[in-house]
Amino acid sequence: MTVFPETIPWSDLHQDAVGTLQRLEHSLGPLVITQGGQAAAVLMGIDFYECAEEERRLLRRLAKGEQEIRDGQGHTLEDVLAEASALLSSASA
């Protein structure tokens, strides 16, 4: 099921900026600001922004790892598990 972002006309934002910001505090997603019936901008609360940025960073790291594997720069599962085991052993000692 596709969830469409909530939209609000520029005129509403202009007339009630404080109310719009309060709406964002309780919103689980961004608000799309429309102008002339067309999407013009996106406004989001800080919590939503921080979560989205963390997801973006994670996706970039995953994409970089996949590219390294394609380039032959990856590590075998055995090497990763051995390193993890060594780290866990030294941490518990």
N, C-alpha and C. Protein backbone atom coordinates (compact mmCIF):
# COMPACT_ATOMS: atom_id res chain seq x y z
N MET A 1 0.84 -1.18 0.00
CA MET A 1 0.00 0.00 0.00
C MET A 1 0.88 1.24 0.00
N THR A 2 0.68 2.12 -0.93
CA THR A 2 1.45 3.34 -1.03
C THR A 2 0.89 4.40 -0.08
N VAL A 3 1.80 5.01 0.66
CA VAL A 3 1.40 6.10 1.56
C VAL A 3 1.85 7.41 0.92
N PHE A 4 0.89 8.27 0.67
CA PHE A 4 1.21 9.55 0.06
C PHE A 4 1.47 10.57 1.15
N PRO A 5 2.47 11.41 0.97
CA PRO A 5 2.73 12.44 1.98
C PRO A 5 1.58 13.43 2.07
N GLU A 6 1.43 14.00 3.23
CA GLU A 6 0.41 15.02 3.44
C GLU A 6 0.83 16.28 2.66
N THR A 7 -0.14 16.93 2.05
CA THR A 7 0.16 18.16 1.31
C THR A 7 -0.52 19.35 1.98
N ILE A 8 0.10 20.50 1.79
CA ILE A 8 -0.48 21.74 2.32
C ILE A 8 -0.13 22.87 1.35
N PRO A 9 -1.10 23.69 1.02
CA PRO A 9 -0.82 24.80 0.10
C PRO A 9 0.09 25.85 0.75
N TRP A 10 0.88 26.48 -0.09
CA TRP A 10 1.78 27.54 0.37
C TRP A 10 1.02 28.60 1.16
N SER A 11 -0.18 28.92 0.73
CA SER A 11 -0.96 29.95 1.40
C SER A 11 -1.26 29.56 2.85
N ASP A 12 -1.54 28.27 3.11
CA ASP A 12 -1.77 27.82 4.48
C ASP A 12 -0.50 27.95 5.32
N LEU A 13 0.61 27.57 4.74
CA LEU A 13 1.89 27.70 5.46
C LEU A 13 2.16 29.17 5.76
N HIS A 14 1.94 30.01 4.78
CA HIS A 14 2.18 31.45 4.94
C HIS A 14 1.28 32.04 6.03
N GLN A 15 0.03 31.63 6.08
CA GLN A 15 -0.92 32.18 7.06
C GLN A 15 -0.73 31.60 8.45
N ASP A 16 -0.24 30.36 8.56
CA ASP A 16 -0.15 29.73 9.87
C ASP A 16 1.13 28.90 9.99
N ALA A 17 2.27 29.57 9.93
CA ALA A 17 3.55 28.88 10.01
C ALA A 17 3.70 28.15 11.35
N VAL A 18 3.30 28.78 12.43
CA VAL A 18 3.42 28.16 13.76
C VAL A 18 2.57 26.89 13.83
N GLY A 19 1.35 26.96 13.34
CA GLY A 19 0.48 25.78 13.33
C GLY A 19 1.06 24.66 12.48
N THR A 20 1.67 25.02 11.37
CA THR A 20 2.28 24.02 10.50
C THR A 20 3.45 23.35 11.21
N LEU A 21 4.27 24.13 11.89
CA LEU A 21 5.39 23.55 12.63
C LEU A 21 4.89 22.64 13.75
N GLN A 22 3.80 23.01 14.39
CA GLN A 22 3.23 22.16 15.43
C GLN A 22 2.72 20.85 14.83
N ARG A 23 2.16 20.93 13.63
CA ARG A 23 1.70 19.74 12.92
C ARG A 23 2.86 18.79 12.64
N LEU A 24 4.00 19.36 12.29
CA LEU A 24 5.18 18.55 11.99
C LEU A 24 5.67 17.79 13.21
N GLU A 25 5.51 18.38 14.39
CA GLU A 25 5.96 17.72 15.60
C GLU A 25 5.26 16.38 15.80
N HIS A 26 4.03 16.27 15.33
CA HIS A 26 3.24 15.06 15.53
C HIS A 26 3.15 14.22 14.25
N SER A 27 3.83 14.65 13.22
CA SER A 27 3.75 13.97 11.93
C SER A 27 4.78 12.85 11.85
N LEU A 28 4.40 11.77 11.19
CA LEU A 28 5.32 10.66 10.98
C LEU A 28 6.04 10.77 9.63
N GLY A 29 5.83 11.86 8.94
CA GLY A 29 6.45 12.02 7.64
C GLY A 29 6.53 13.48 7.26
N PRO A 30 6.95 13.74 6.05
CA PRO A 30 7.08 15.12 5.58
C PRO A 30 5.75 15.71 5.14
N LEU A 31 5.73 17.02 5.05
CA LEU A 31 4.61 17.76 4.44
C LEU A 31 5.09 18.27 3.09
N VAL A 32 4.30 18.04 2.08
CA VAL A 32 4.63 18.57 0.75
C VAL A 32 3.92 19.90 0.62
N ILE A 33 4.68 20.94 0.34
CA ILE A 33 4.14 22.29 0.15
C ILE A 33 3.82 22.45 -1.33
N THR A 34 2.58 22.82 -1.61
CA THR A 34 2.18 23.01 -3.00
C THR A 34 2.03 24.50 -3.30
N GLN A 35 2.26 24.82 -4.55
CA GLN A 35 2.08 26.19 -5.03
C GLN A 35 1.43 26.08 -6.40
N GLY A 36 0.28 26.66 -6.51
CA GLY A 36 -0.46 26.56 -7.77
C GLY A 36 -0.87 25.13 -8.07
N GLY A 37 -1.10 24.33 -7.03
CA GLY A 37 -1.52 22.95 -7.20
C GLY A 37 -0.39 21.98 -7.49
N GLN A 38 0.84 22.47 -7.60
CA GLN A 38 1.99 21.62 -7.90
C GLN A 38 2.91 21.52 -6.69
N ALA A 39 3.49 20.36 -6.47
CA ALA A 39 4.46 20.19 -5.38
C ALA A 39 5.63 21.15 -5.62
N ALA A 40 5.97 21.92 -4.57
CA ALA A 40 7.03 22.91 -4.72
C ALA A 40 8.17 22.69 -3.72
N ALA A 41 7.87 22.11 -2.57
CA ALA A 41 8.90 21.93 -1.54
C ALA A 41 8.44 20.86 -0.56
N VAL A 42 9.37 20.41 0.26
CA VAL A 42 9.08 19.43 1.31
C VAL A 42 9.54 20.01 2.63
N LEU A 43 8.68 19.90 3.62
CA LEU A 43 8.98 20.37 4.97
C LEU A 43 8.85 19.17 5.89
N MET A 44 9.88 18.96 6.74
CA MET A 44 9.82 17.81 7.63
C MET A 44 10.34 18.16 9.01
N GLY A 45 9.83 17.45 10.00
CA GLY A 45 10.28 17.63 11.37
C GLY A 45 11.69 17.10 11.54
N ILE A 46 12.37 17.57 12.56
CA ILE A 46 13.77 17.21 12.77
C ILE A 46 13.93 15.71 13.03
N ASP A 47 13.01 15.10 13.78
CA ASP A 47 13.11 13.67 14.06
C ASP A 47 13.03 12.85 12.77
N PHE A 48 12.09 13.22 11.90
CA PHE A 48 11.94 12.53 10.63
C PHE A 48 13.19 12.75 9.77
N TYR A 49 13.70 13.97 9.75
CA TYR A 49 14.91 14.28 8.97
C TYR A 49 16.10 13.45 9.45
N GLU A 50 16.31 13.40 10.77
CA GLU A 50 17.45 12.65 11.30
C GLU A 50 17.34 11.17 10.97
N CYS A 51 16.15 10.62 11.06
CA CYS A 51 15.94 9.21 10.72
C CYS A 51 16.21 8.97 9.23
N ALA A 52 15.71 9.85 8.39
CA ALA A 52 15.91 9.73 6.95
C ALA A 52 17.39 9.85 6.59
N GLU A 53 18.10 10.74 7.26
CA GLU A 53 19.54 10.90 7.00
C GLU A 53 20.31 9.66 7.43
N GLU A 54 19.96 9.08 8.56
CA GLU A 54 20.62 7.85 9.02
C GLU A 54 20.37 6.72 8.03
N GLU A 55 19.15 6.60 7.54
CA GLU A 55 18.85 5.58 6.53
C GLU A 55 19.64 5.82 5.26
N ARG A 56 19.76 7.09 4.86
CA ARG A 56 20.52 7.41 3.64
C ARG A 56 21.99 7.04 3.81
N ARG A 57 22.57 7.35 4.99
CA ARG A 57 23.97 6.99 5.25
C ARG A 57 24.18 5.48 5.21
N LEU A 58 23.24 4.75 5.80
CA LEU A 58 23.33 3.29 5.80
C LEU A 58 23.26 2.75 4.38
N LEU A 59 22.34 3.26 3.59
CA LEU A 59 22.22 2.80 2.20
C LEU A 59 23.48 3.12 1.40
N ARG A 60 24.09 4.26 1.66
CA ARG A 60 25.35 4.61 0.97
C ARG A 60 26.46 3.63 1.35
N ARG A 61 26.53 3.28 2.66
CA ARG A 61 27.56 2.32 3.10
C ARG A 61 27.32 0.96 2.45
N LEU A 62 26.06 0.53 2.39
CA LEU A 62 25.76 -0.75 1.75
C LEU A 62 26.13 -0.73 0.27
N ALA A 63 25.81 0.35 -0.42
CA ALA A 63 26.14 0.47 -1.84
C ALA A 63 27.65 0.46 -2.04
N LYS A 64 28.37 1.13 -1.15
CA LYS A 64 29.83 1.15 -1.25
C LYS A 64 30.39 -0.26 -1.04
N GLY A 65 29.83 -0.98 -0.05
CA GLY A 65 30.27 -2.35 0.20
C GLY A 65 30.00 -3.26 -0.99
N GLU A 66 28.84 -3.11 -1.60
CA GLU A 66 28.53 -3.91 -2.78
C GLU A 66 29.48 -3.61 -3.92
N GLN A 67 29.83 -2.33 -4.09
CA GLN A 67 30.78 -1.97 -5.15
C GLN A 67 32.16 -2.56 -4.86
N GLU A 68 32.58 -2.52 -3.60
CA GLU A 68 33.87 -3.11 -3.22
C GLU A 68 33.89 -4.61 -3.51
N ILE A 69 32.78 -5.29 -3.22
CA ILE A 69 32.70 -6.72 -3.50
C ILE A 69 32.80 -6.96 -5.01
N ARG A 70 32.09 -6.16 -5.81
CA ARG A 70 32.17 -6.29 -7.28
C ARG A 70 33.59 -6.05 -7.77
N ASP A 71 34.31 -5.15 -7.09
CA ASP A 71 35.69 -4.82 -7.48
C ASP A 71 36.70 -5.81 -6.91
N GLY A 72 36.22 -6.83 -6.20
CA GLY A 72 37.13 -7.82 -5.63
C GLY A 72 37.81 -7.35 -4.35
N GLN A 73 37.30 -6.32 -3.72
CA GLN A 73 37.91 -5.78 -2.51
C GLN A 73 37.21 -6.26 -1.25
N GLY A 74 36.22 -7.12 -1.40
CA GLY A 74 35.45 -7.58 -0.25
C GLY A 74 36.23 -8.58 0.59
N HIS A 75 35.63 -8.97 1.70
CA HIS A 75 36.23 -9.94 2.60
C HIS A 75 35.33 -11.18 2.64
N THR A 76 35.94 -12.33 2.84
CA THR A 76 35.14 -13.55 2.91
C THR A 76 34.38 -13.58 4.23
N LEU A 77 33.31 -14.34 4.25
CA LEU A 77 32.53 -14.50 5.47
C LEU A 77 33.40 -15.09 6.58
N GLU A 78 34.26 -16.02 6.23
CA GLU A 78 35.13 -16.64 7.23
C GLU A 78 36.05 -15.60 7.87
N ASP A 79 36.60 -14.70 7.06
CA ASP A 79 37.47 -13.65 7.60
C ASP A 79 36.71 -12.71 8.53
N VAL A 80 35.51 -12.34 8.13
CA VAL A 80 34.68 -11.44 8.94
C VAL A 80 34.32 -12.10 10.26
N LEU A 81 33.90 -13.37 10.22
CA LEU A 81 33.54 -14.08 11.44
C LEU A 81 34.74 -14.27 12.36
N ALA A 82 35.90 -14.54 11.79
CA ALA A 82 37.12 -14.69 12.60
C ALA A 82 37.48 -13.38 13.27
N GLU A 83 37.38 -12.28 12.54
CA GLU A 83 37.68 -10.97 13.13
C GLU A 83 36.67 -10.62 14.21
N ALA A 84 35.41 -10.90 13.97
CA ALA A 84 34.37 -10.63 14.97
C ALA A 84 34.60 -11.46 16.21
N SER A 85 34.96 -12.71 16.04
CA SER A 85 35.23 -13.59 17.16
C SER A 85 36.41 -13.09 17.98
N ALA A 86 37.46 -12.65 17.29
CA ALA A 86 38.63 -12.11 17.99
C ALA A 86 38.27 -10.84 18.77
N LEU A 87 37.46 -9.97 18.17
CA LEU A 87 37.04 -8.75 18.86
C LEU A 87 36.20 -9.07 20.10
N LEU A 88 35.29 -10.04 19.96
CA LEU A 88 34.45 -10.42 21.09
C LEU A 88 35.28 -11.06 22.20
N SER A 89 36.26 -11.86 21.82
CA SER A 89 37.13 -12.50 22.82
C SER A 89 37.94 -11.47 23.58
N SER A 90 38.48 -10.49 22.87
CA SER A 90 39.30 -9.46 23.54
C SER A 90 38.42 -8.54 24.39
N ALA A 91 37.17 -8.33 23.99
CA ALA A 91 36.27 -7.47 24.76
C ALA A 91 35.82 -8.13 26.05
N SER A 92 35.69 -9.45 26.03
CA SER A 92 35.24 -10.15 27.24
C SER A 92 36.40 -10.47 28.18
N ALA A 93 37.62 -10.31 27.73
CA ALA A 93 38.79 -10.62 28.57
C ALA A 93 39.11 -9.50 29.54
